[in-house]
Amino acid sequence: MHSPSTLCSRRHFLHTGSFGLGGLALASLLRDDQLLAAPIKPLLGGESFDLKPKVPPAAGKAKAMISLFMMGGPSQMDLFDPKPMLTQYDGKKFPGEVKYDNVAEASSTVFGSPWNFVRSGKCGMELSELLPGLQEVADDITLIRSMKSGVSNHLQGMLAMQTGKGTVGRPTVGAWVAYALGSETRDLPAYVVLAHPSGLPTFQQQHWTNGWLPSAYQGTLVRAKEPYILNLDPPGALAGPPQIRQMDLLHALNEKHAAEHPGEHDLRARIASYELAGRMQLAAKEALDISSEPKHVLSLYGVDNPLTADYGRRCLVARRLIERGVRYVQVLNNGQSWDHHGGLIKALPERCAETDRPSAALVLDLKQRGLLESTIVHWGGEMGRLPVLQNDAGRAKWGRDHNTHGFSQWIAGGGFKGGLVYGETDEWGHEAVKDVVNHYDWHATLLHCFGFDHTKLGFIRNAANLTLTDGQSARVVSELLS
């Protein structure tokens, strides 16, 4: 196909390309100098979808979020929710009814926690001896002991916690945050996912999907080892001016094609991703490289300890990304490594040893840099565990089955109170009974911290205004907020 010579003209490209380099530079300068004509409101199904920074309708304290998502279901009665009754009845028959998920390996034998709890911080929060790092930041966190989703399987439970409902195809929280707020940087994605070196968690991209939101809001996966982002660097023969000329031509062709197909949001997102990829060749490498960090910071995160080196590096990278304007960072484990149906007595301390120090370091580091006030740090999984034994075939094989009727998670920063324990489960740690926080209540509260009403932040699809808390009687849990 023959293209007119003007199509390859740099002047024509800069003049006509609405996403061109000149336009991007001008927009960046106007934004940085606060000369944009008006604040950009979050879109409610409008005609334009991009990652330009947007001003929320209310003054939210949170500007960014880091989610330390623990796929598998950490055991709340062994980490966050001490139950003397379990100790008293340890080894005896459970006196009530249990909502088993795996009936084949079920048992009615009470399993008292093998670990002691320690009163921590000025607030006196009771935390497991397995979490010495978290004990040091107890006064900075909100511990919710009454989480509930009621969805027992891992996929449905994860979807409920990540997307609002236990059904596939919906946008994740990170995608909603990117959609609502845009990005504070032109050089990095708004939504970044940091994977474990041994592989992705179960259900893989479901953790960072944009669902039915435009694909511009999908998370960008970053590997745990080089190359951190695949295909980021051009071949040597194309580096420099040849790549610039190639990208100029490609952009002009794409813009012509996009103009002929208005409303094709995936096409617009793909065009924008090409330009972002070019800028990321420098920015992403710098953000993911921790070699410039002082020795005391590396030590704080445990990067100098083989046991915590991986998770510490990824938590440190999460902080670096937030510093550089990324809105939402998710740090993932591999598989369902917190899913302790068996071997809990050995495996739970190992998971805690890998993640506890880096997680606490993230809170400390953000706080000392003045970033914790505007950054939410979340630690939790899709479910908790039952108070009775599973796999009753000898102490080394003991585990706990799924429990989504009462479990725990903690949050720090971004408008949440410090040193607060909220909600209660029953005396067995089986069901949330006081100040219950459903997964959709958590989402409503989260959006409130960013300055949004969860009933109004929506996306029009098939003539319906869809939201994160769709059709659920969600409430903002104001008691959690400072």
Protein backbone atom coordinates (compact mmCIF):
# COMPACT_ATOMS: atom_id res chain seq x y z
CA MET A 1 0.00 0.00 0.00
CA HIS A 2 1.37 3.43 -0.98
CA SER A 3 1.18 6.16 1.69
CA PRO A 4 1.41 9.88 0.88
CA SER A 5 4.74 11.43 1.76
CA THR A 6 3.13 13.78 4.24
CA LEU A 7 2.19 10.80 6.36
CA CYS A 8 5.82 10.35 7.33
CA SER A 9 6.51 14.05 7.88
CA ARG A 10 7.57 14.82 11.44
CA ARG A 11 5.82 18.19 11.22
CA HIS A 12 2.60 16.64 9.92
CA PHE A 13 2.82 13.94 12.60
CA LEU A 14 3.19 16.43 15.45
CA HIS A 15 0.50 18.64 14.00
CA THR A 16 -2.17 16.01 13.51
CA GLY A 17 -1.41 13.32 16.12
CA SER A 18 -3.65 13.82 19.14
CA PHE A 19 -1.45 11.36 21.00
CA GLY A 20 1.78 12.64 19.44
CA LEU A 21 4.98 13.45 21.27
CA GLY A 22 4.42 17.19 20.98
CA GLY A 23 0.92 16.91 22.36
CA LEU A 24 2.11 14.71 25.19
CA ALA A 25 4.88 17.11 26.09
CA LEU A 26 2.52 20.08 26.05
CA ALA A 27 -0.05 18.26 28.17
CA SER A 28 2.66 17.28 30.64
CA LEU A 29 3.92 20.86 30.93
CA LEU A 30 0.41 22.23 31.40
CA ARG A 31 -0.33 19.62 34.02
CA ASP A 32 2.93 20.13 35.89
CA ASP A 33 2.39 23.90 35.91
CA GLN A 34 -1.27 23.48 36.95
CA LEU A 35 -2.43 25.27 33.78
CA LEU A 36 -5.02 22.76 32.63
CA ALA A 37 -8.30 24.48 31.91
CA ALA A 38 -10.29 22.53 34.51
CA PRO A 39 -10.00 19.54 36.83
CA ILE A 40 -10.67 16.28 35.05
CA LYS A 41 -13.63 14.47 36.54
CA PRO A 42 -13.85 10.67 36.72
CA LEU A 43 -15.66 9.27 33.73
CA LEU A 44 -19.09 7.73 34.17
CA GLY A 45 -19.27 5.95 30.86
CA GLY A 46 -18.01 8.88 28.77
CA GLU A 47 -16.49 8.77 25.33
CA SER A 48 -12.80 9.18 26.17
CA PHE A 49 -10.60 6.76 28.10
CA ASP A 50 -7.04 7.56 29.04
CA LEU A 51 -4.63 7.74 31.97
CA LYS A 52 -4.49 11.50 32.33
CA PRO A 53 -4.62 12.51 36.02
CA LYS A 54 -8.15 13.08 37.27
CA VAL A 55 -9.42 14.96 40.30
CA PRO A 56 -11.85 13.00 42.52
CA PRO A 57 -15.18 14.62 43.42
CA ALA A 58 -14.29 14.65 47.12
CA ALA A 59 -11.04 15.27 48.96
CA GLY A 60 -9.73 11.74 49.53
CA LYS A 61 -6.67 11.18 51.70
CA ALA A 62 -5.39 8.30 49.55
CA LYS A 63 -3.55 8.94 46.29
CA ALA A 64 -2.08 5.47 45.74
CA MET A 65 -2.28 1.90 47.03
CA ILE A 66 -0.03 -1.12 47.51
CA SER A 67 -1.83 -4.45 47.91
CA LEU A 68 0.16 -7.30 49.45
CA PHE A 69 -2.24 -10.01 48.34
CA MET A 70 -1.73 -13.38 50.06
CA MET A 71 -3.38 -15.93 47.78
CA GLY A 72 -4.50 -19.06 49.58
CA GLY A 73 -6.02 -17.79 52.82
CA PRO A 74 -3.79 -16.97 55.83
CA SER A 75 -4.95 -18.55 59.09
CA GLN A 76 -6.47 -15.75 61.19
CA MET A 77 -6.56 -17.66 64.51
CA ASP A 78 -2.83 -18.37 64.20
CA LEU A 79 -1.80 -14.84 63.16
CA PHE A 80 -4.29 -12.11 64.08
CA ASP A 81 -7.23 -13.40 66.11
CA PRO A 82 -6.30 -15.22 69.34
CA LYS A 83 -8.94 -17.60 70.68
CA PRO A 84 -8.45 -18.97 74.22
CA MET A 85 -11.38 -21.34 73.63
CA LEU A 86 -9.38 -23.11 70.94
CA THR A 87 -6.55 -23.67 73.40
CA GLN A 88 -8.99 -24.91 76.04
CA TYR A 89 -10.68 -27.37 73.66
CA ASP A 90 -7.55 -28.36 71.73
CA GLY A 91 -7.89 -31.98 70.60
CA LYS A 92 -11.52 -32.25 71.69
CA LYS A 93 -14.66 -32.49 69.59
CA PHE A 94 -15.98 -29.15 68.32
CA PRO A 95 -19.31 -28.59 70.11
CA GLY A 96 -21.12 -26.83 67.26
CA GLU A 97 -21.59 -27.00 63.51
CA VAL A 98 -18.76 -26.31 61.08
CA LYS A 99 -19.17 -25.06 57.52
CA TYR A 100 -16.66 -27.32 55.77
CA ASP A 101 -15.43 -26.73 52.25
CA ASN A 102 -13.54 -30.02 51.82
CA VAL A 103 -15.77 -32.61 53.52
CA ALA A 104 -13.58 -35.54 52.44
CA GLU A 105 -10.71 -34.47 54.71
CA ALA A 106 -12.91 -32.82 57.33
CA SER A 107 -12.58 -33.37 61.05
CA SER A 108 -14.52 -32.13 64.07
CA THR A 109 -11.39 -32.01 66.24
CA VAL A 110 -10.54 -28.55 67.58
CA PHE A 111 -7.10 -27.29 66.55
CA GLY A 112 -5.70 -24.82 69.09
CA SER A 113 -3.05 -22.48 67.77
CA PRO A 114 0.50 -23.77 68.37
CA TRP A 115 1.79 -20.18 68.69
CA ASN A 116 1.58 -17.52 71.36
CA PHE A 117 0.25 -14.01 70.90
CA VAL A 118 2.06 -10.83 71.99
CA ARG A 119 0.55 -7.49 72.98
CA SER A 120 2.18 -5.03 70.62
CA GLY A 121 2.57 -1.27 70.42
CA LYS A 122 1.01 1.33 72.65
CA CYS A 123 -2.38 0.11 71.47
CA GLY A 124 -1.78 -3.37 72.89
CA MET A 125 -2.82 -5.15 69.70
CA GLU A 126 -2.49 -8.93 70.05
CA LEU A 127 -0.41 -10.40 67.23
CA SER A 128 1.18 -13.80 66.72
CA GLU A 129 4.78 -14.46 67.70
CA LEU A 130 5.22 -15.37 64.01
CA LEU A 131 4.88 -11.66 63.13
CA PRO A 132 7.64 -9.77 64.99
CA GLY A 133 7.92 -7.22 62.19
CA LEU A 134 4.22 -6.40 62.24
CA GLN A 135 4.38 -6.05 66.02
CA GLU A 136 6.72 -3.09 65.51
CA VAL A 137 4.17 -1.20 63.40
CA ALA A 138 1.05 -2.18 65.35
CA ASP A 139 0.31 1.47 66.13
CA ASP A 140 0.26 2.27 62.40
CA ILE A 141 -2.19 -0.40 61.23
CA THR A 142 -5.91 -1.10 61.30
CA LEU A 143 -6.58 -4.79 61.96
CA ILE A 144 -9.99 -5.99 60.80
CA ARG A 145 -10.93 -9.27 62.47
CA SER A 146 -14.45 -9.50 61.05
CA MET A 147 -13.98 -9.80 57.29
CA LYS A 148 -16.58 -11.86 55.45
CA SER A 149 -17.26 -12.81 51.85
CA GLY A 150 -19.12 -16.09 52.25
CA VAL A 151 -17.51 -17.47 49.06
CA SER A 152 -15.47 -20.54 49.99
CA ASN A 153 -13.66 -21.57 46.80
CA HIS A 154 -10.37 -19.86 45.99
CA LEU A 155 -11.35 -18.48 42.58
CA GLN A 156 -14.69 -17.10 43.72
CA GLY A 157 -13.21 -15.83 46.97
CA MET A 158 -10.34 -14.12 45.18
CA LEU A 159 -12.73 -12.59 42.66
CA ALA A 160 -14.94 -11.29 45.47
CA MET A 161 -11.99 -9.61 47.21
CA GLN A 162 -10.36 -8.35 44.01
CA THR A 163 -13.35 -7.47 41.81
CA GLY A 164 -16.40 -7.16 44.10
CA LYS A 165 -18.23 -10.35 43.12
CA GLY A 166 -17.34 -14.01 42.78
CA THR A 167 -17.84 -14.05 39.02
CA VAL A 168 -15.23 -13.77 36.27
CA GLY A 169 -14.97 -10.90 33.83
CA ARG A 170 -15.16 -7.96 36.24
CA PRO A 171 -12.50 -5.25 36.73
CA THR A 172 -10.15 -5.52 39.68
CA VAL A 173 -9.78 -2.83 42.34
CA GLY A 174 -6.52 -1.73 40.69
CA ALA A 175 -8.28 -1.25 37.36
CA TRP A 176 -11.00 0.84 39.05
CA VAL A 177 -8.37 3.03 40.74
CA ALA A 178 -6.56 3.58 37.42
CA TYR A 179 -9.89 4.35 35.70
CA ALA A 180 -10.98 6.77 38.40
CA LEU A 181 -7.73 8.64 39.04
CA GLY A 182 -5.58 8.14 35.97
CA SER A 183 -1.83 8.24 36.48
CA GLU A 184 0.55 10.75 38.03
CA THR A 185 3.31 9.73 35.64
CA ARG A 186 3.60 9.57 31.85
CA ASP A 187 6.57 7.22 32.01
CA LEU A 188 5.20 4.23 33.93
CA PRO A 189 1.92 2.30 33.96
CA ALA A 190 -0.77 3.39 36.39
CA TYR A 191 -1.28 -0.19 37.60
CA VAL A 192 1.67 -2.53 38.15
CA VAL A 193 1.75 -6.17 39.30
CA LEU A 194 4.92 -7.66 40.83
CA ALA A 195 5.10 -11.43 40.36
CA HIS A 196 6.89 -14.08 42.45
CA PRO A 197 10.11 -15.49 40.93
CA SER A 198 8.79 -19.06 40.94
CA GLY A 199 5.66 -18.17 39.02
CA LEU A 200 2.26 -16.53 39.04
CA PRO A 201 -0.47 -17.12 41.59
CA THR A 202 -3.35 -19.42 40.84
CA PHE A 203 -5.79 -17.87 38.32
CA GLN A 204 -2.96 -15.68 37.02
CA GLN A 205 -4.21 -12.66 35.05
CA GLN A 206 -7.57 -12.72 36.84
CA HIS A 207 -5.70 -10.85 39.59
CA TRP A 208 -5.03 -7.81 37.41
CA THR A 209 -7.69 -7.90 34.72
CA ASN A 210 -9.46 -4.78 33.49
CA GLY A 211 -12.63 -6.84 32.96
CA TRP A 212 -15.07 -4.82 30.88
CA LEU A 213 -13.27 -1.55 31.53
CA PRO A 214 -11.16 -0.38 28.56
CA SER A 215 -7.87 -2.27 28.33
CA ALA A 216 -5.89 0.86 29.20
CA TYR A 217 -6.71 0.04 32.83
CA GLN A 218 -5.33 -3.50 32.89
CA GLY A 219 -2.39 -4.14 35.20
CA THR A 220 1.13 -4.40 33.77
CA LEU A 221 2.94 -7.56 34.87
CA VAL A 222 6.53 -7.18 36.07
CA ARG A 223 8.58 -10.36 36.50
CA ALA A 224 10.68 -10.94 39.60
CA LYS A 225 13.90 -11.44 37.64
CA GLU A 226 15.51 -10.10 34.48
CA PRO A 227 14.09 -9.32 32.06
CA TYR A 228 11.56 -7.71 34.42
CA ILE A 229 9.35 -6.65 31.50
CA LEU A 230 9.46 -8.80 28.40
CA ASN A 231 10.26 -7.22 25.02
CA LEU A 232 10.95 -3.82 26.58
CA ASP A 233 14.23 -3.22 24.71
CA PRO A 234 14.41 -2.97 20.90
CA PRO A 235 16.92 -5.04 18.90
CA GLY A 236 20.30 -3.36 18.66
CA ALA A 237 19.86 -2.48 14.99
CA LEU A 238 16.69 -0.53 15.79
CA ALA A 239 17.87 1.33 18.89
CA GLY A 240 18.03 5.10 18.77
CA PRO A 241 17.01 7.12 15.66
CA PRO A 242 15.79 4.09 13.64
CA GLN A 243 13.37 3.21 16.42
CA ILE A 244 12.14 6.80 16.65
CA ARG A 245 11.44 6.89 12.91
CA GLN A 246 9.72 3.52 13.07
CA MET A 247 7.54 4.62 16.00
CA ASP A 248 6.67 7.89 14.26
CA LEU A 249 5.45 6.00 11.22
CA LEU A 250 3.64 3.37 13.27
CA HIS A 251 1.93 6.03 15.35
CA ALA A 252 0.76 7.96 12.29
CA LEU A 253 -0.63 4.80 10.70
CA ASN A 254 -2.38 3.85 13.92
CA GLU A 255 -3.86 7.33 14.32
CA LYS A 256 -5.23 7.19 10.79
CA HIS A 257 -6.73 3.77 11.48
CA ALA A 258 -8.15 4.89 14.84
CA ALA A 259 -9.78 7.92 13.24
CA GLU A 260 -11.58 5.59 10.86
CA HIS A 261 -12.85 3.47 13.81
CA PRO A 262 -14.13 5.86 16.51
CA GLY A 263 -15.09 4.30 19.84
CA GLU A 264 -12.61 1.41 19.55
CA HIS A 265 -11.19 1.74 23.05
CA ASP A 266 -8.89 -1.28 22.79
CA LEU A 267 -7.29 0.27 19.72
CA ARG A 268 -6.72 3.57 21.53
CA ALA A 269 -5.26 1.69 24.48
CA ARG A 270 -2.90 -0.21 22.18
CA ILE A 271 -1.69 3.01 20.55
CA ALA A 272 -1.09 4.60 23.94
CA SER A 273 0.79 1.48 25.08
CA TYR A 274 3.30 1.86 22.23
CA GLU A 275 4.20 5.36 23.36
CA LEU A 276 4.32 4.29 27.00
CA ALA A 277 6.62 1.38 26.11
CA GLY A 278 9.06 3.79 24.53
CA ARG A 279 9.19 5.98 27.63
CA MET A 280 9.40 2.93 29.91
CA GLN A 281 12.67 1.82 28.36
CA LEU A 282 14.39 4.29 30.64
CA ALA A 283 11.87 4.94 33.42
CA ALA A 284 11.01 1.32 34.20
CA LYS A 285 14.62 0.24 34.34
CA GLU A 286 15.41 3.03 36.79
CA ALA A 287 12.36 2.32 38.98
CA LEU A 288 13.02 -1.43 39.15
CA ASP A 289 16.73 -1.04 39.89
CA ILE A 290 17.27 -0.90 43.67
CA SER A 291 21.09 -0.68 43.50
CA SER A 292 20.99 3.04 44.30
CA GLU A 293 19.14 2.47 47.59
CA PRO A 294 21.22 3.04 50.76
CA LYS A 295 22.48 -0.01 52.61
CA HIS A 296 20.29 0.68 55.64
CA VAL A 297 17.16 0.70 53.46
CA LEU A 298 18.10 -2.60 51.82
CA SER A 299 18.68 -4.04 55.28
CA LEU A 300 15.35 -2.69 56.53
CA TYR A 301 13.51 -4.64 53.82
CA GLY A 302 15.63 -7.76 54.35
CA VAL A 303 17.13 -7.65 50.87
CA ASP A 304 20.45 -8.75 52.42
CA ASN A 305 18.84 -11.89 53.89
CA PRO A 306 18.24 -14.85 51.53
CA LEU A 307 15.01 -15.68 53.35
CA THR A 308 13.43 -12.28 52.75
CA ALA A 309 15.45 -11.08 49.74
CA ASP A 310 12.77 -11.63 47.09
CA TYR A 311 9.77 -10.29 48.94
CA GLY A 312 11.87 -7.47 50.38
CA ARG A 313 13.03 -6.41 46.92
CA ARG A 314 9.50 -6.42 45.57
CA CYS A 315 8.15 -4.40 48.51
CA LEU A 316 10.97 -1.92 48.00
CA VAL A 317 10.21 -1.73 44.27
CA ALA A 318 6.54 -1.11 45.16
CA ARG A 319 7.60 1.91 47.21
CA ARG A 320 9.80 3.18 44.37
CA LEU A 321 6.93 2.86 41.91
CA ILE A 322 4.53 4.76 44.17
CA GLU A 323 7.16 7.48 44.62
CA ARG A 324 7.31 7.84 40.85
CA GLY A 325 3.57 8.28 40.37
CA VAL A 326 2.18 4.75 39.89
CA ARG A 327 -1.33 4.59 41.39
CA TYR A 328 -1.72 0.92 42.28
CA VAL A 329 0.87 -1.78 42.89
CA GLN A 330 0.04 -5.39 43.68
CA VAL A 331 2.62 -7.75 45.14
CA LEU A 332 1.68 -11.40 44.56
CA ASN A 333 2.77 -14.74 45.96
CA ASN A 334 3.14 -17.93 43.94
CA GLY A 335 0.33 -20.44 43.51
CA GLN A 336 -1.84 -20.52 46.65
CA SER A 337 1.09 -20.66 49.04
CA TRP A 338 -1.05 -19.66 52.07
CA ASP A 339 -3.49 -22.53 51.45
CA HIS A 340 -2.55 -24.79 54.35
CA HIS A 341 -4.91 -27.74 54.21
CA GLY A 342 -2.00 -29.76 55.57
CA GLY A 343 1.47 -29.18 56.98
CA LEU A 344 0.45 -25.89 58.56
CA ILE A 345 2.78 -26.18 61.56
CA LYS A 346 5.81 -26.10 59.24
CA ALA A 347 4.50 -24.03 56.33
CA LEU A 348 2.88 -21.10 58.14
CA PRO A 349 6.10 -20.01 59.92
CA GLU A 350 7.93 -20.24 56.59
CA ARG A 351 5.44 -17.93 54.81
CA CYS A 352 5.56 -15.48 57.70
CA ALA A 353 9.36 -15.49 57.76
CA GLU A 354 9.42 -14.60 54.05
CA THR A 355 6.89 -11.76 54.17
CA ASP A 356 6.61 -10.32 57.68
CA ARG A 357 9.77 -8.18 57.81
CA PRO A 358 9.40 -6.75 54.28
CA SER A 359 5.70 -5.95 54.85
CA ALA A 360 6.46 -4.06 58.07
CA ALA A 361 9.44 -2.35 56.41
CA LEU A 362 7.15 -1.03 53.70
CA VAL A 363 4.95 0.65 56.33
CA LEU A 364 7.98 2.08 58.17
CA ASP A 365 9.65 3.31 55.00
CA LEU A 366 6.55 4.99 53.62
CA LYS A 367 5.96 6.64 56.99
CA GLN A 368 9.47 8.07 57.31
CA ARG A 369 9.23 9.45 53.76
CA GLY A 370 5.90 11.14 54.43
CA LEU A 371 4.11 8.86 51.95
CA LEU A 372 2.04 6.72 54.31
CA GLU A 373 -0.60 9.41 54.79
CA SER A 374 -1.45 9.24 51.09
CA THR A 375 -0.68 5.57 50.40
CA ILE A 376 -2.87 2.65 51.46
CA VAL A 377 -0.98 -0.55 52.30
CA HIS A 378 -3.19 -3.64 52.35
CA TRP A 379 -2.24 -7.13 53.60
CA GLY A 380 -4.66 -10.03 53.24
CA GLY A 381 -5.99 -12.91 51.19
CA GLU A 382 -9.29 -14.16 49.87
CA MET A 383 -10.27 -16.13 53.01
CA GLY A 384 -9.19 -17.46 56.39
CA ARG A 385 -9.22 -20.92 57.98
CA LEU A 386 -11.43 -23.11 60.22
CA PRO A 387 -10.91 -23.77 63.94
CA VAL A 388 -10.83 -27.56 63.46
CA LEU A 389 -8.27 -29.99 62.07
CA GLN A 390 -8.12 -30.98 58.46
CA ASN A 391 -6.05 -33.95 57.32
CA ASP A 392 -5.96 -35.53 60.78
CA ALA A 393 -3.16 -37.97 59.92
CA GLY A 394 -0.48 -37.00 62.41
CA ARG A 395 0.72 -33.65 63.73
CA ALA A 396 3.09 -32.99 60.81
CA LYS A 397 0.16 -33.22 58.37
CA TRP A 398 -2.38 -31.14 60.28
CA GLY A 399 -3.98 -28.26 58.45
CA ARG A 400 -7.11 -26.11 58.34
CA ASP A 401 -9.89 -25.91 55.75
CA HIS A 402 -11.25 -22.74 54.10
CA ASN A 403 -13.29 -20.18 56.02
CA THR A 404 -14.82 -17.09 54.41
CA HIS A 405 -17.34 -16.39 57.17
CA GLY A 406 -14.85 -14.68 59.47
CA PHE A 407 -11.23 -13.79 58.68
CA SER A 408 -8.68 -11.00 59.12
CA GLN A 409 -6.73 -8.45 57.11
CA TRP A 410 -4.74 -5.34 57.99
CA ILE A 411 -4.44 -1.91 56.39
CA ALA A 412 -2.14 1.04 57.00
CA GLY A 413 -2.11 4.64 55.80
CA GLY A 414 -4.28 6.51 53.31
CA GLY A 415 -6.84 7.67 55.85
CA PHE A 416 -7.13 4.50 57.96
CA LYS A 417 -6.67 4.72 61.72
CA GLY A 418 -3.52 3.38 63.34
CA GLY A 419 -3.53 1.06 66.34
CA LEU A 420 -7.13 -0.02 65.79
CA VAL A 421 -8.60 -3.51 66.13
CA TYR A 422 -12.05 -3.63 64.56
CA GLY A 423 -14.70 -6.34 64.64
CA GLU A 424 -14.87 -9.75 66.26
CA THR A 425 -15.41 -13.36 65.34
CA ASP A 426 -17.14 -15.82 67.65
CA GLU A 427 -15.21 -17.52 70.45
CA TRP A 428 -13.92 -20.12 67.98
CA GLY A 429 -12.84 -17.73 65.22
CA HIS A 430 -15.39 -19.37 62.93
CA GLU A 431 -17.83 -16.58 62.04
CA ALA A 432 -17.75 -12.79 62.18
CA VAL A 433 -20.29 -11.72 64.79
CA LYS A 434 -19.57 -8.08 65.63
CA ASP A 435 -18.99 -5.12 63.28
CA VAL A 436 -18.97 -7.40 60.25
CA VAL A 437 -17.07 -6.04 57.24
CA ASN A 438 -18.25 -7.69 54.04
CA HIS A 439 -15.93 -7.61 51.06
CA TYR A 440 -18.17 -5.01 49.40
CA ASP A 441 -18.06 -2.84 52.55
CA TRP A 442 -14.27 -2.95 52.28
CA HIS A 443 -14.47 -1.81 48.66
CA ALA A 444 -16.90 1.01 49.46
CA THR A 445 -14.56 2.20 52.22
CA LEU A 446 -11.54 1.94 49.96
CA LEU A 447 -13.10 4.08 47.23
CA HIS A 448 -14.19 6.60 49.87
CA CYS A 449 -10.54 6.99 50.89
CA PHE A 450 -9.73 7.89 47.29
CA GLY A 451 -12.53 10.48 47.24
CA PHE A 452 -15.25 8.51 45.44
CA ASP A 453 -18.79 7.44 46.21
CA HIS A 454 -18.93 3.74 45.38
CA THR A 455 -22.49 4.11 44.03
CA LYS A 456 -21.51 6.86 41.59
CA LEU A 457 -18.14 5.76 40.24
CA GLY A 458 -19.44 3.68 37.36
CA PHE A 459 -18.99 2.54 33.80
CA ILE A 460 -21.80 2.36 31.25
CA ARG A 461 -22.03 -1.07 29.64
CA ASN A 462 -25.06 -2.36 27.77
CA ALA A 463 -27.04 0.64 29.03
CA ALA A 464 -26.27 -0.27 32.66
CA ASN A 465 -24.13 1.80 35.03
CA LEU A 466 -21.82 -0.84 36.54
CA THR A 467 -19.87 -0.23 39.74
CA LEU A 468 -17.37 -2.04 41.95
CA THR A 469 -20.09 -2.75 44.54
CA ASP A 470 -22.85 -3.49 41.97
CA GLY A 471 -26.24 -4.07 43.57
CA GLN A 472 -24.81 -4.91 47.00
CA SER A 473 -25.87 -3.04 50.13
CA ALA A 474 -22.37 -1.80 50.80
CA ARG A 475 -21.53 0.71 53.51
CA VAL A 476 -18.50 2.90 54.15
CA VAL A 477 -17.07 1.66 57.45
CA SER A 478 -16.33 5.09 58.86
CA GLU A 479 -15.12 3.64 62.16
CA LEU A 480 -11.96 2.50 60.37
CA LEU A 481 -11.07 6.01 59.19
CA SER A 482 -9.09 8.76 60.85
